Each structure stands twice: as C-alpha cells, then as structure tokens.
Amino acid sequence: MPPKLNDNRQRLIRLIHVAKRDLQMDDDSYRAVLAKVVKKTSAADLTIPELERTLEHLKRCGFKERSKSKPGVSKPTKAKPSRPMAQDPEAKKIRALWLFLHELGAVQNPSEEALAAYVKRIAKVDALQWINGYQAETLIESMKKWAMRFLPDQVKALAQQLADAINAGRVQLPPETIQGLRYTVGIAQQRQTFDPMHRAWKALTEVLNRRP
C-alpha cells in the first residue's frame, strides 16, 4: 500500500477508536456496529472505503471529530460542553440499549442529542447525569419493552437465515455449536423476555457475521 494511503488508513482507524471511546461504546456494541455497517468485527480488517463508511456512521451516532488547526492559523475557540457525558454504569447501560435499538432499526437517530430527548420524555429530566435509580430503571425497562417489539421477529428471521446458510453449505458449524444455538433460541422463544431474546440475537448475529 502506498505510504499516503497507509497513513490515511491509520488515521481513519485512530478516529474510529476515538469515536468508540467518546461514544462510551463497550466492545460488544462496537463490534455490533461494525457488523451492521461493513459485515466485519475489527477495524484492522477494513478497507479504506469501509473505514470511511464506519466513521460516517459513528458521526451520525453523535461522534464529533476534532479539527486540527493549520500552521500559522489560530485555532478557533470551541465552546466547552456544558456537562460531560454521563459515565456511571446505569448511563452506560442506557446508552448501550439506545445503540442496540438503532441496530434493530427501532431508533433512526442514535445520537446523544436524540437519547437526551428520549430521557427527557420518559424520565422528565434533561440529561442522564441527573437521573436517579428509579428513573434509570424506568428508562431501562422502557427500552427493553421497545426492543421486544422487534426482537422476536428478528431472532426468528436470523435463525431461518442461519438454517438456510447451513443447508446450502455457506456456513459450517460443529454439531455442538448448532445444538447450543438451538437451545439459546429455544429458551428465547419460550420465555419471550428481553435478556434471553437479546442473547439469541447476539449469538445468531455473531455467527452470521463471522468471516469465512
């Protein structure tokens, strides 16, 4: 790869990792985003166009790239945010659920501003920093119920997609893995609650997005 292209690729990878940190994404949420946008799970495996698509998606999720000033040009003063992004465990869980709802197609705008609007509507406060334990629980349960409008159908479709891929020979899995997936999906369908349904969705998605 020519030096300039390689430098650009490394710059894009660094920006994606900065976005992951700024958006407070855990590893599972980050890999889910990559899987949705480019059907891969590591930035190191992406081509430059794939890196650019991923970065644009993360910008739509609320990431703001910091611009560097040119030599001899004074850097414009940026207004500091009025408050930092909430980083307590409840806020991270709520943010992860918000991004998951985006992966499901339930949330069209995954940005922090859109999440703040949802928090205000449900919890009656202006930001995650100001919610109490009861409000956090209310938000989490509300988002889980929202996700359950989409999850059962998506898990059913993913299970059928995987079965078709196995039958066609496009996916090869050890018998114990297939048995484990069937058990996970069966529990999800039997209980019809968020946690087992989310586990089934995650397991099926990871297998289907696995590189050959």
C-alpha atoms as a PDB file:
ATOM      1  CA  MET A   1       0.000   0.000   0.000  1.00  0.00           C
ATOM      2  CA  PRO A   2       1.414   3.463  -0.930  1.00  0.00           C
ATOM      3  CA  PRO A   3       2.607   5.459   2.134  1.00  0.00           C
ATOM      4  CA  LYS A   4      -0.088   8.138   1.760  1.00  0.00           C
ATOM      5  CA  LEU A   5      -2.878   5.555   1.576  1.00  0.00           C
ATOM      6  CA  ASN A   6      -1.466   3.707   4.567  1.00  0.00           C
ATOM      7  CA  ASP A   7      -1.264   6.969   6.552  1.00  0.00           C
ATOM      8  CA  ASN A   8      -4.887   7.729   5.695  1.00  0.00           C
ATOM      9  CA  ARG A   9      -5.954   4.225   6.733  1.00  0.00           C
ATOM     10  CA  GLN A  10      -4.194   4.533  10.092  1.00  0.00           C
ATOM     11  CA  ARG A  11      -5.761   7.966  10.621  1.00  0.00           C
ATOM     12  CA  LEU A  12      -9.235   6.535   9.998  1.00  0.00           C
ATOM     13  CA  ILE A  13      -8.624   3.625  12.384  1.00  0.00           C
ATOM     14  CA  ARG A  14      -7.458   6.059  15.090  1.00  0.00           C
ATOM     15  CA  LEU A  15     -10.565   8.207  14.577  1.00  0.00           C
ATOM     16  CA  ILE A  16     -12.839   5.165  14.837  1.00  0.00           C
ATOM     17  CA  HIS A  17     -11.199   4.175  18.113  1.00  0.00           C
ATOM     18  CA  VAL A  18     -11.579   7.737  19.403  1.00  0.00           C
ATOM     19  CA  ALA A  19     -15.254   7.622  18.410  1.00  0.00           C
ATOM     20  CA  LYS A  20     -15.701   4.335  20.270  1.00  0.00           C
ATOM     21  CA  ARG A  21     -14.249   5.931  23.392  1.00  0.00           C
ATOM     22  CA  ASP A  22     -16.187   9.202  23.064  1.00  0.00           C
ATOM     23  CA  LEU A  23     -19.477   7.390  22.491  1.00  0.00           C
ATOM     24  CA  GLN A  24     -18.805   5.171  25.528  1.00  0.00           C
ATOM     25  CA  MET A  25     -19.276   2.005  23.455  1.00  0.00           C
ATOM     26  CA  ASP A  26     -18.427  -1.304  25.065  1.00  0.00           C
ATOM     27  CA  ASP A  27     -16.749  -3.957  22.910  1.00  0.00           C
ATOM     28  CA  ASP A  28     -19.992  -5.765  22.102  1.00  0.00           C
ATOM     29  CA  SER A  29     -21.740  -2.581  20.947  1.00  0.00           C
ATOM     30  CA  TYR A  30     -18.699  -1.583  18.894  1.00  0.00           C
ATOM     31  CA  ARG A  31     -18.493  -4.958  17.153  1.00  0.00           C
ATOM     32  CA  ALA A  32     -22.249  -4.879  16.513  1.00  0.00           C
ATOM     33  CA  VAL A  33     -21.858  -1.515  14.757  1.00  0.00           C
ATOM     34  CA  LEU A  34     -19.021  -2.840  12.588  1.00  0.00           C
ATOM     35  CA  ALA A  35     -21.012  -5.955  11.766  1.00  0.00           C
ATOM     36  CA  LYS A  36     -24.013  -3.899  10.694  1.00  0.00           C
ATOM     37  CA  VAL A  37     -22.112  -1.319   8.654  1.00  0.00           C
ATOM     38  CA  VAL A  38     -19.407  -3.438   6.964  1.00  0.00           C
ATOM     39  CA  LYS A  39     -20.105  -7.072   7.958  1.00  0.00           C
ATOM     40  CA  LYS A  40     -16.798  -7.333   9.841  1.00  0.00           C
ATOM     41  CA  THR A  41     -15.899  -7.078  13.516  1.00  0.00           C
ATOM     42  CA  SER A  42     -12.450  -5.439  13.600  1.00  0.00           C
ATOM     43  CA  ALA A  43     -11.315  -2.071  12.228  1.00  0.00           C
ATOM     44  CA  ALA A  44      -7.963  -3.655  11.367  1.00  0.00           C
ATOM     45  CA  ASP A  45      -9.711  -5.785   8.714  1.00  0.00           C
ATOM     46  CA  LEU A  46     -11.444  -2.887   6.964  1.00  0.00           C
ATOM     47  CA  THR A  47     -10.566  -1.300   3.644  1.00  0.00           C
ATOM     48  CA  ILE A  48     -10.354   2.498   3.404  1.00  0.00           C
ATOM     49  CA  PRO A  49     -13.903   2.826   1.956  1.00  0.00           C
ATOM     50  CA  GLU A  50     -15.208   0.573   4.753  1.00  0.00           C
ATOM     51  CA  LEU A  51     -13.379   2.662   7.350  1.00  0.00           C
ATOM     52  CA  GLU A  52     -14.901   5.817   5.889  1.00  0.00           C
ATOM     53  CA  ARG A  53     -18.418   4.314   5.994  1.00  0.00           C
ATOM     54  CA  THR A  54     -17.894   3.240   9.591  1.00  0.00           C
ATOM     55  CA  LEU A  55     -16.653   6.681  10.605  1.00  0.00           C
ATOM     56  CA  GLU A  56     -19.647   8.374   8.943  1.00  0.00           C
ATOM     57  CA  HIS A  57     -21.982   6.027  10.819  1.00  0.00           C
ATOM     58  CA  LEU A  58     -20.277   6.869  14.129  1.00  0.00           C
ATOM     59  CA  LYS A  59     -20.646  10.570  13.354  1.00  0.00           C
ATOM     60  CA  ARG A  60     -24.375  10.011  12.890  1.00  0.00           C
ATOM     61  CA  CYS A  61     -24.298   8.319  16.307  1.00  0.00           C
ATOM     62  CA  GLY A  62     -23.032  11.593  17.802  1.00  0.00           C
ATOM     63  CA  PHE A  63     -19.244  11.483  17.383  1.00  0.00           C
ATOM     64  CA  LYS A  64     -17.750  14.893  16.620  1.00  0.00           C
ATOM     65  CA  GLU A  65     -14.320  14.885  15.010  1.00  0.00           C
ATOM     66  CA  ARG A  66     -11.934  17.442  16.479  1.00  0.00           C
ATOM     67  CA  SER A  67     -10.422  19.602  13.748  1.00  0.00           C
ATOM     68  CA  LYS A  68      -6.708  20.440  13.824  1.00  0.00           C
ATOM     69  CA  SER A  69      -5.575  23.991  13.151  1.00  0.00           C
ATOM     70  CA  LYS A  70      -3.215  24.646  10.234  1.00  0.00           C
ATOM     71  CA  PRO A  71       0.255  26.122  10.884  1.00  0.00           C
ATOM     72  CA  GLY A  72       0.064  29.886  11.240  1.00  0.00           C
ATOM     73  CA  VAL A  73      -3.704  29.840  11.689  1.00  0.00           C
ATOM     74  CA  SER A  74      -5.125  30.422  15.111  1.00  0.00           C
ATOM     75  CA  LYS A  75      -7.410  27.672  16.279  1.00  0.00           C
ATOM     76  CA  PRO A  76     -10.958  28.893  16.796  1.00  0.00           C
ATOM     77  CA  THR A  77     -12.159  28.784  20.349  1.00  0.00           C
ATOM     78  CA  LYS A  78     -14.633  25.971  20.826  1.00  0.00           C
ATOM     79  CA  ALA A  79     -17.361  26.244  23.369  1.00  0.00           C
ATOM     80  CA  LYS A  80     -16.867  23.638  26.037  1.00  0.00           C
ATOM     81  CA  PRO A  81     -19.790  21.295  26.541  1.00  0.00           C
ATOM     82  CA  SER A  82     -21.997  22.347  29.427  1.00  0.00           C
ATOM     83  CA  ARG A  83     -21.601  18.920  31.014  1.00  0.00           C
ATOM     84  CA  PRO A  84     -19.577  15.777  30.271  1.00  0.00           C
ATOM     85  CA  MET A  85     -21.181  12.588  29.014  1.00  0.00           C
ATOM     86  CA  ALA A  86     -22.546  10.509  31.884  1.00  0.00           C
ATOM     87  CA  GLN A  87     -20.236   7.575  32.589  1.00  0.00           C
ATOM     88  CA  ASP A  88     -21.838   5.744  35.526  1.00  0.00           C
ATOM     89  CA  PRO A  89     -22.840   2.094  34.955  1.00  0.00           C
ATOM     90  CA  GLU A  90     -26.564   2.887  34.577  1.00  0.00           C
ATOM     91  CA  ALA A  91     -25.888   5.589  31.978  1.00  0.00           C
ATOM     92  CA  LYS A  92     -23.581   3.272  30.026  1.00  0.00           C
ATOM     93  CA  LYS A  93     -26.243   0.563  30.054  1.00  0.00           C
ATOM     94  CA  ILE A  94     -28.893   3.016  28.840  1.00  0.00           C
ATOM     95  CA  ARG A  95     -26.590   4.279  26.094  1.00  0.00           C
ATOM     96  CA  ALA A  96     -25.785   0.702  25.019  1.00  0.00           C
ATOM     97  CA  LEU A  97     -29.506  -0.090  24.851  1.00  0.00           C
ATOM     98  CA  TRP A  98     -30.072   3.045  22.763  1.00  0.00           C
ATOM     99  CA  LEU A  99     -27.414   1.967  20.272  1.00  0.00           C
ATOM    100  CA  PHE A 100     -28.859  -1.559  20.263  1.00  0.00           C
ATOM    101  CA  LEU A 101     -32.283  -0.123  19.419  1.00  0.00           C
ATOM    102  CA  HIS A 102     -30.595   1.596  16.495  1.00  0.00           C
ATOM    103  CA  GLU A 103     -29.137  -1.741  15.381  1.00  0.00           C
ATOM    104  CA  LEU A 104     -32.647  -3.218  15.479  1.00  0.00           C
ATOM    105  CA  GLY A 105     -33.976  -0.372  13.350  1.00  0.00           C
ATOM    106  CA  ALA A 106     -36.213   0.938  16.151  1.00  0.00           C
ATOM    107  CA  VAL A 107     -34.215   4.157  16.601  1.00  0.00           C
ATOM    108  CA  GLN A 108     -33.444   6.132  13.467  1.00  0.00           C
ATOM    109  CA  ASN A 109     -31.232   8.772  15.110  1.00  0.00           C
ATOM    110  CA  PRO A 110     -28.704   7.187  17.508  1.00  0.00           C
ATOM    111  CA  SER A 111     -27.084  10.487  18.536  1.00  0.00           C
ATOM    112  CA  GLU A 112     -26.577  11.613  22.132  1.00  0.00           C
ATOM    113  CA  GLU A 113     -28.971  14.503  21.484  1.00  0.00           C
ATOM    114  CA  ALA A 114     -31.741  12.109  20.437  1.00  0.00           C
ATOM    115  CA  LEU A 115     -31.085   9.977  23.520  1.00  0.00           C
ATOM    116  CA  ALA A 116     -31.320  13.088  25.720  1.00  0.00           C
ATOM    117  CA  ALA A 117     -34.715  13.871  24.174  1.00  0.00           C
ATOM    118  CA  TYR A 118     -35.892  10.329  24.967  1.00  0.00           C
ATOM    119  CA  VAL A 119     -34.585  10.619  28.533  1.00  0.00           C
ATOM    120  CA  LYS A 120     -36.461  13.894  28.976  1.00  0.00           C
ATOM    121  CA  ARG A 121     -39.693  12.361  27.655  1.00  0.00           C
ATOM    122  CA  ILE A 122     -39.528   9.239  29.828  1.00  0.00           C
ATOM    123  CA  ALA A 123     -37.671  10.395  32.950  1.00  0.00           C
ATOM    124  CA  LYS A 124     -38.612  14.107  32.850  1.00  0.00           C
ATOM    125  CA  VAL A 125     -35.001  15.273  33.261  1.00  0.00           C
ATOM    126  CA  ASP A 126     -32.715  16.961  30.739  1.00  0.00           C
ATOM    127  CA  ALA A 127     -29.762  14.565  30.837  1.00  0.00           C
ATOM    128  CA  LEU A 128     -28.580  11.160  32.013  1.00  0.00           C
ATOM    129  CA  GLN A 129     -26.386  12.871  34.632  1.00  0.00           C
ATOM    130  CA  TRP A 130     -29.472  13.837  36.583  1.00  0.00           C
ATOM    131  CA  ILE A 131     -31.438  10.598  36.741  1.00  0.00           C
ATOM    132  CA  ASN A 132     -31.872   8.702  39.987  1.00  0.00           C
ATOM    133  CA  GLY A 133     -32.002   4.943  40.445  1.00  0.00           C
ATOM    134  CA  TYR A 134     -35.753   4.725  39.914  1.00  0.00           C
ATOM    135  CA  GLN A 135     -35.570   6.800  36.727  1.00  0.00           C
ATOM    136  CA  ALA A 136     -32.689   4.680  35.413  1.00  0.00           C
ATOM    137  CA  GLU A 137     -34.711   1.515  35.995  1.00  0.00           C
ATOM    138  CA  THR A 138     -37.730   3.081  34.286  1.00  0.00           C
ATOM    139  CA  LEU A 139     -35.627   4.013  31.244  1.00  0.00           C
ATOM    140  CA  ILE A 140     -34.005   0.583  31.004  1.00  0.00           C
ATOM    141  CA  GLU A 141     -37.309  -1.270  31.270  1.00  0.00           C
ATOM    142  CA  SER A 142     -38.929   1.078  28.764  1.00  0.00           C
ATOM    143  CA  MET A 143     -36.133   0.474  26.246  1.00  0.00           C
ATOM    144  CA  LYS A 144     -36.279  -3.292  26.767  1.00  0.00           C
ATOM    145  CA  LYS A 145     -40.021  -3.285  26.089  1.00  0.00           C
ATOM    146  CA  TRP A 146     -39.398  -1.188  22.987  1.00  0.00           C
ATOM    147  CA  ALA A 147     -36.752  -3.655  21.794  1.00  0.00           C
ATOM    148  CA  MET A 148     -39.137  -6.567  22.339  1.00  0.00           C
ATOM    149  CA  ARG A 149     -41.422  -5.175  19.644  1.00  0.00           C
ATOM    150  CA  PHE A 150     -38.647  -6.025  17.176  1.00  0.00           C
ATOM    151  CA  LEU A 151     -36.521  -8.783  18.717  1.00  0.00           C
ATOM    152  CA  PRO A 152     -38.771 -11.867  18.385  1.00  0.00           C
ATOM    153  CA  ASP A 153     -39.287 -11.371  14.649  1.00  0.00           C
ATOM    154  CA  GLN A 154     -35.609 -10.594  14.084  1.00  0.00           C
ATOM    155  CA  VAL A 155     -34.453 -13.639  16.045  1.00  0.00           C
ATOM    156  CA  LYS A 156     -36.852 -15.821  14.047  1.00  0.00           C
ATOM    157  CA  ALA A 157     -35.575 -14.351  10.773  1.00  0.00           C
ATOM    158  CA  LEU A 158     -31.928 -14.714  11.801  1.00  0.00           C
ATOM    159  CA  ALA A 159     -32.466 -18.337  12.863  1.00  0.00           C
ATOM    160  CA  GLN A 160     -34.062 -19.100   9.478  1.00  0.00           C
ATOM    161  CA  GLN A 161     -31.253 -17.267   7.668  1.00  0.00           C
ATOM    162  CA  LEU A 162     -28.657 -19.341   9.517  1.00  0.00           C
ATOM    163  CA  ALA A 163     -30.540 -22.594   8.861  1.00  0.00           C
ATOM    164  CA  ASP A 164     -30.705 -21.765   5.144  1.00  0.00           C
ATOM    165  CA  ALA A 165     -26.983 -20.932   5.095  1.00  0.00           C
ATOM    166  CA  ILE A 166     -26.107 -24.215   6.822  1.00  0.00           C
ATOM    167  CA  ASN A 167     -28.305 -26.234   4.464  1.00  0.00           C
ATOM    168  CA  ALA A 168     -26.733 -24.513   1.451  1.00  0.00           C
ATOM    169  CA  GLY A 169     -23.225 -25.141   2.757  1.00  0.00           C
ATOM    170  CA  ARG A 170     -22.386 -21.431   3.078  1.00  0.00           C
ATOM    171  CA  VAL A 171     -21.884 -21.791   6.832  1.00  0.00           C
ATOM    172  CA  GLN A 172     -20.276 -24.780   8.510  1.00  0.00           C
ATOM    173  CA  LEU A 173     -20.535 -25.191  12.273  1.00  0.00           C
ATOM    174  CA  PRO A 174     -19.643 -28.008  14.682  1.00  0.00           C
ATOM    175  CA  PRO A 175     -22.684 -30.015  15.856  1.00  0.00           C
ATOM    176  CA  GLU A 176     -22.226 -28.792  19.437  1.00  0.00           C
ATOM    177  CA  THR A 177     -22.348 -25.168  18.261  1.00  0.00           C
ATOM    178  CA  ILE A 178     -25.571 -25.789  16.330  1.00  0.00           C
ATOM    179  CA  GLN A 179     -27.039 -27.536  19.363  1.00  0.00           C
ATOM    180  CA  GLY A 180     -26.068 -24.598  21.593  1.00  0.00           C
ATOM    181  CA  LEU A 181     -27.655 -22.100  19.218  1.00  0.00           C
ATOM    182  CA  ARG A 182     -30.851 -24.138  19.037  1.00  0.00           C
ATOM    183  CA  TYR A 183     -31.006 -24.229  22.834  1.00  0.00           C
ATOM    184  CA  THR A 184     -30.402 -20.459  23.104  1.00  0.00           C
ATOM    185  CA  VAL A 185     -33.069 -19.666  20.503  1.00  0.00           C
ATOM    186  CA  GLY A 186     -35.494 -22.165  22.074  1.00  0.00           C
ATOM    187  CA  ILE A 187     -35.152 -20.537  25.513  1.00  0.00           C
ATOM    188  CA  ALA A 188     -35.709 -17.106  23.950  1.00  0.00           C
ATOM    189  CA  GLN A 189     -38.848 -18.251  22.149  1.00  0.00           C
ATOM    190  CA  GLN A 190     -40.152 -19.999  25.249  1.00  0.00           C
ATOM    191  CA  ARG A 191     -39.630 -17.111  27.677  1.00  0.00           C
ATOM    192  CA  GLN A 192     -40.330 -14.156  25.362  1.00  0.00           C
ATOM    193  CA  THR A 193     -38.379 -11.760  27.587  1.00  0.00           C
ATOM    194  CA  PHE A 194     -35.602  -9.345  26.726  1.00  0.00           C
ATOM    195  CA  ASP A 195     -32.486 -10.967  28.201  1.00  0.00           C
ATOM    196  CA  PRO A 196     -32.769 -14.439  26.600  1.00  0.00           C
ATOM    197  CA  MET A 197     -34.020 -12.865  23.362  1.00  0.00           C
ATOM    198  CA  HIS A 198     -31.033 -10.487  23.314  1.00  0.00           C
ATOM    199  CA  ARG A 199     -28.642 -13.410  23.929  1.00  0.00           C
ATOM    200  CA  ALA A 200     -30.183 -15.289  20.988  1.00  0.00           C
ATOM    201  CA  TRP A 201     -29.982 -12.228  18.712  1.00  0.00           C
ATOM    202  CA  LYS A 202     -26.355 -11.659  19.669  1.00  0.00           C
ATOM    203  CA  ALA A 203     -25.351 -15.323  19.190  1.00  0.00           C
ATOM    204  CA  LEU A 204     -27.041 -15.588  15.785  1.00  0.00           C
ATOM    205  CA  THR A 205     -25.661 -12.237  14.600  1.00  0.00           C
ATOM    206  CA  GLU A 206     -22.111 -13.151  15.578  1.00  0.00           C
ATOM    207  CA  VAL A 207     -22.274 -16.447  13.676  1.00  0.00           C
ATOM    208  CA  LEU A 208     -23.820 -14.906  10.572  1.00  0.00           C
ATOM    209  CA  ASN A 209     -21.308 -12.043  10.505  1.00  0.00           C
ATOM    210  CA  ARG A 210     -18.317 -14.295  11.074  1.00  0.00           C
ATOM    211  CA  ARG A 211     -15.853 -14.118   8.235  1.00  0.00           C
ATOM    212  CA  PRO A 212     -15.384 -17.364   6.274  1.00  0.00           C
END
